[in-house]
Amino acid sequence: VTEAQIHESSVCPDCQKKKAELAKTTFLRRKKMLMESALIQEKLEEQIYSR
């Protein structure tokens, strides 16, 4: 009887690479959203103070 191999994503190089790519994408998406939010806030404040 052969033993079934259990895939361990924590030690699999391909899974680690994919996880790193997803983490980078998530980080960049959040960073972009924060920057856009700050820019919108800045524009709103300019509008308020220029009146």
N, C-alpha and C. Protein backbone atom coordinates (compact mmCIF):
# COMPACT_ATOMS: atom_id res chain seq x y z
N VAL A 1 0.86 -1.19 0.00
CA VAL A 1 0.00 0.00 0.00
C VAL A 1 0.89 1.24 0.00
N THR A 2 0.68 2.11 -0.97
CA THR A 2 1.47 3.35 -1.03
C THR A 2 0.80 4.42 -0.18
N GLU A 3 1.65 5.25 0.36
CA GLU A 3 1.15 6.32 1.23
C GLU A 3 0.82 7.55 0.39
N ALA A 4 -0.31 8.15 0.64
CA ALA A 4 -0.70 9.36 -0.08
C ALA A 4 0.10 10.54 0.45
N GLN A 5 0.58 11.35 -0.47
CA GLN A 5 1.34 12.53 -0.05
C GLN A 5 0.39 13.68 0.22
N ILE A 6 0.62 14.33 1.34
CA ILE A 6 -0.20 15.49 1.71
C ILE A 6 0.54 16.74 1.27
N HIS A 7 -0.14 17.56 0.52
CA HIS A 7 0.47 18.81 0.05
C HIS A 7 0.50 19.82 1.18
N GLU A 8 1.70 20.28 1.51
CA GLU A 8 1.85 21.29 2.55
C GLU A 8 2.22 22.61 1.89
N SER A 9 1.26 23.51 1.83
CA SER A 9 1.50 24.79 1.16
C SER A 9 2.53 25.65 1.88
N SER A 10 2.73 25.41 3.17
CA SER A 10 3.69 26.21 3.93
C SER A 10 5.14 25.92 3.54
N VAL A 11 5.38 24.77 2.92
CA VAL A 11 6.74 24.43 2.49
C VAL A 11 6.87 24.30 0.97
N CYS A 12 5.79 24.43 0.26
CA CYS A 12 5.80 24.33 -1.20
C CYS A 12 6.29 25.64 -1.81
N PRO A 13 7.38 25.62 -2.58
CA PRO A 13 7.91 26.86 -3.17
C PRO A 13 6.92 27.57 -4.09
N ASP A 14 6.16 26.79 -4.88
CA ASP A 14 5.18 27.40 -5.78
C ASP A 14 4.07 28.11 -5.00
N CYS A 15 3.62 27.47 -3.93
CA CYS A 15 2.57 28.07 -3.09
C CYS A 15 3.10 29.31 -2.38
N GLN A 16 4.33 29.24 -1.92
CA GLN A 16 4.95 30.39 -1.25
C GLN A 16 5.06 31.57 -2.22
N LYS A 17 5.46 31.29 -3.45
CA LYS A 17 5.60 32.34 -4.47
C LYS A 17 4.25 32.99 -4.75
N LYS A 18 3.22 32.15 -4.92
CA LYS A 18 1.88 32.66 -5.20
C LYS A 18 1.35 33.49 -4.03
N LYS A 19 1.60 33.01 -2.81
CA LYS A 19 1.17 33.73 -1.61
C LYS A 19 1.85 35.10 -1.54
N ALA A 20 3.14 35.15 -1.88
CA ALA A 20 3.88 36.41 -1.87
C ALA A 20 3.33 37.38 -2.92
N GLU A 21 3.01 36.85 -4.10
CA GLU A 21 2.44 37.69 -5.16
C GLU A 21 1.09 38.27 -4.73
N LEU A 22 0.26 37.43 -4.12
CA LEU A 22 -1.06 37.90 -3.66
C LEU A 22 -0.92 38.94 -2.55
N ALA A 23 0.04 38.74 -1.66
CA ALA A 23 0.27 39.70 -0.58
C ALA A 23 0.73 41.04 -1.14
N LYS A 24 1.60 41.00 -2.14
CA LYS A 24 2.09 42.23 -2.77
C LYS A 24 0.95 42.97 -3.46
N THR A 25 0.12 42.22 -4.19
CA THR A 25 -1.03 42.81 -4.88
C THR A 25 -1.98 43.45 -3.88
N THR A 26 -2.26 42.76 -2.80
CA THR A 26 -3.15 43.29 -1.76
C THR A 26 -2.57 44.55 -1.15
N PHE A 27 -1.26 44.52 -0.85
CA PHE A 27 -0.59 45.69 -0.27
C PHE A 27 -0.69 46.88 -1.21
N LEU A 28 -0.37 46.66 -2.48
CA LEU A 28 -0.40 47.76 -3.45
C LEU A 28 -1.81 48.31 -3.64
N ARG A 29 -2.80 47.43 -3.63
CA ARG A 29 -4.20 47.87 -3.78
C ARG A 29 -4.60 48.76 -2.60
N ARG A 30 -4.23 48.33 -1.38
CA ARG A 30 -4.54 49.12 -0.18
C ARG A 30 -3.81 50.46 -0.20
N LYS A 31 -2.54 50.43 -0.58
CA LYS A 31 -1.73 51.65 -0.63
C LYS A 31 -2.34 52.65 -1.62
N LYS A 32 -2.74 52.15 -2.79
CA LYS A 32 -3.35 53.00 -3.81
C LYS A 32 -4.64 53.61 -3.29
N MET A 33 -5.46 52.79 -2.62
CA MET A 33 -6.73 53.27 -2.08
C MET A 33 -6.50 54.36 -1.03
N LEU A 34 -5.50 54.15 -0.16
CA LEU A 34 -5.19 55.15 0.87
C LEU A 34 -4.71 56.46 0.25
N MET A 35 -3.87 56.35 -0.78
CA MET A 35 -3.36 57.55 -1.44
C MET A 35 -4.47 58.30 -2.16
N GLU A 36 -5.35 57.57 -2.83
CA GLU A 36 -6.48 58.21 -3.51
C GLU A 36 -7.40 58.88 -2.50
N SER A 37 -7.62 58.23 -1.38
CA SER A 37 -8.46 58.78 -0.32
C SER A 37 -7.86 60.08 0.22
N ALA A 38 -6.54 60.07 0.44
CA ALA A 38 -5.86 61.26 0.94
C ALA A 38 -5.94 62.40 -0.08
N LEU A 39 -5.81 62.07 -1.35
CA LEU A 39 -5.87 63.08 -2.41
C LEU A 39 -7.27 63.69 -2.48
N ILE A 40 -8.29 62.86 -2.39
CA ILE A 40 -9.67 63.35 -2.40
C ILE A 40 -9.91 64.26 -1.20
N GLN A 41 -9.42 63.83 -0.03
CA GLN A 41 -9.57 64.62 1.19
C GLN A 41 -8.91 65.99 1.02
N GLU A 42 -7.71 65.98 0.44
CA GLU A 42 -6.97 67.23 0.22
C GLU A 42 -7.74 68.16 -0.72
N LYS A 43 -8.30 67.60 -1.78
CA LYS A 43 -9.07 68.41 -2.74
C LYS A 43 -10.32 68.97 -2.08
N LEU A 44 -10.99 68.17 -1.23
CA LEU A 44 -12.17 68.66 -0.53
C LEU A 44 -11.82 69.82 0.40
N GLU A 45 -10.70 69.68 1.11
CA GLU A 45 -10.28 70.74 2.02
C GLU A 45 -9.93 72.01 1.26
N GLU A 46 -9.31 71.86 0.09
CA GLU A 46 -9.00 73.03 -0.75
C GLU A 46 -10.29 73.74 -1.15
N GLN A 47 -11.31 72.98 -1.52
CA GLN A 47 -12.59 73.56 -1.91
C GLN A 47 -13.24 74.30 -0.75
N ILE A 48 -13.17 73.72 0.43
CA ILE A 48 -13.78 74.33 1.62
C ILE A 48 -13.08 75.65 1.96
N TYR A 49 -11.75 75.63 1.96
CA TYR A 49 -11.00 76.82 2.38
C TYR A 49 -10.91 77.90 1.31
N SER A 50 -11.15 77.54 0.04
CA SER A 50 -11.04 78.54 -1.02
C SER A 50 -12.33 79.35 -1.18
N ARG A 51 -13.38 78.98 -0.46
CA ARG A 51 -14.65 79.70 -0.58
C ARG A 51 -14.69 80.90 0.32
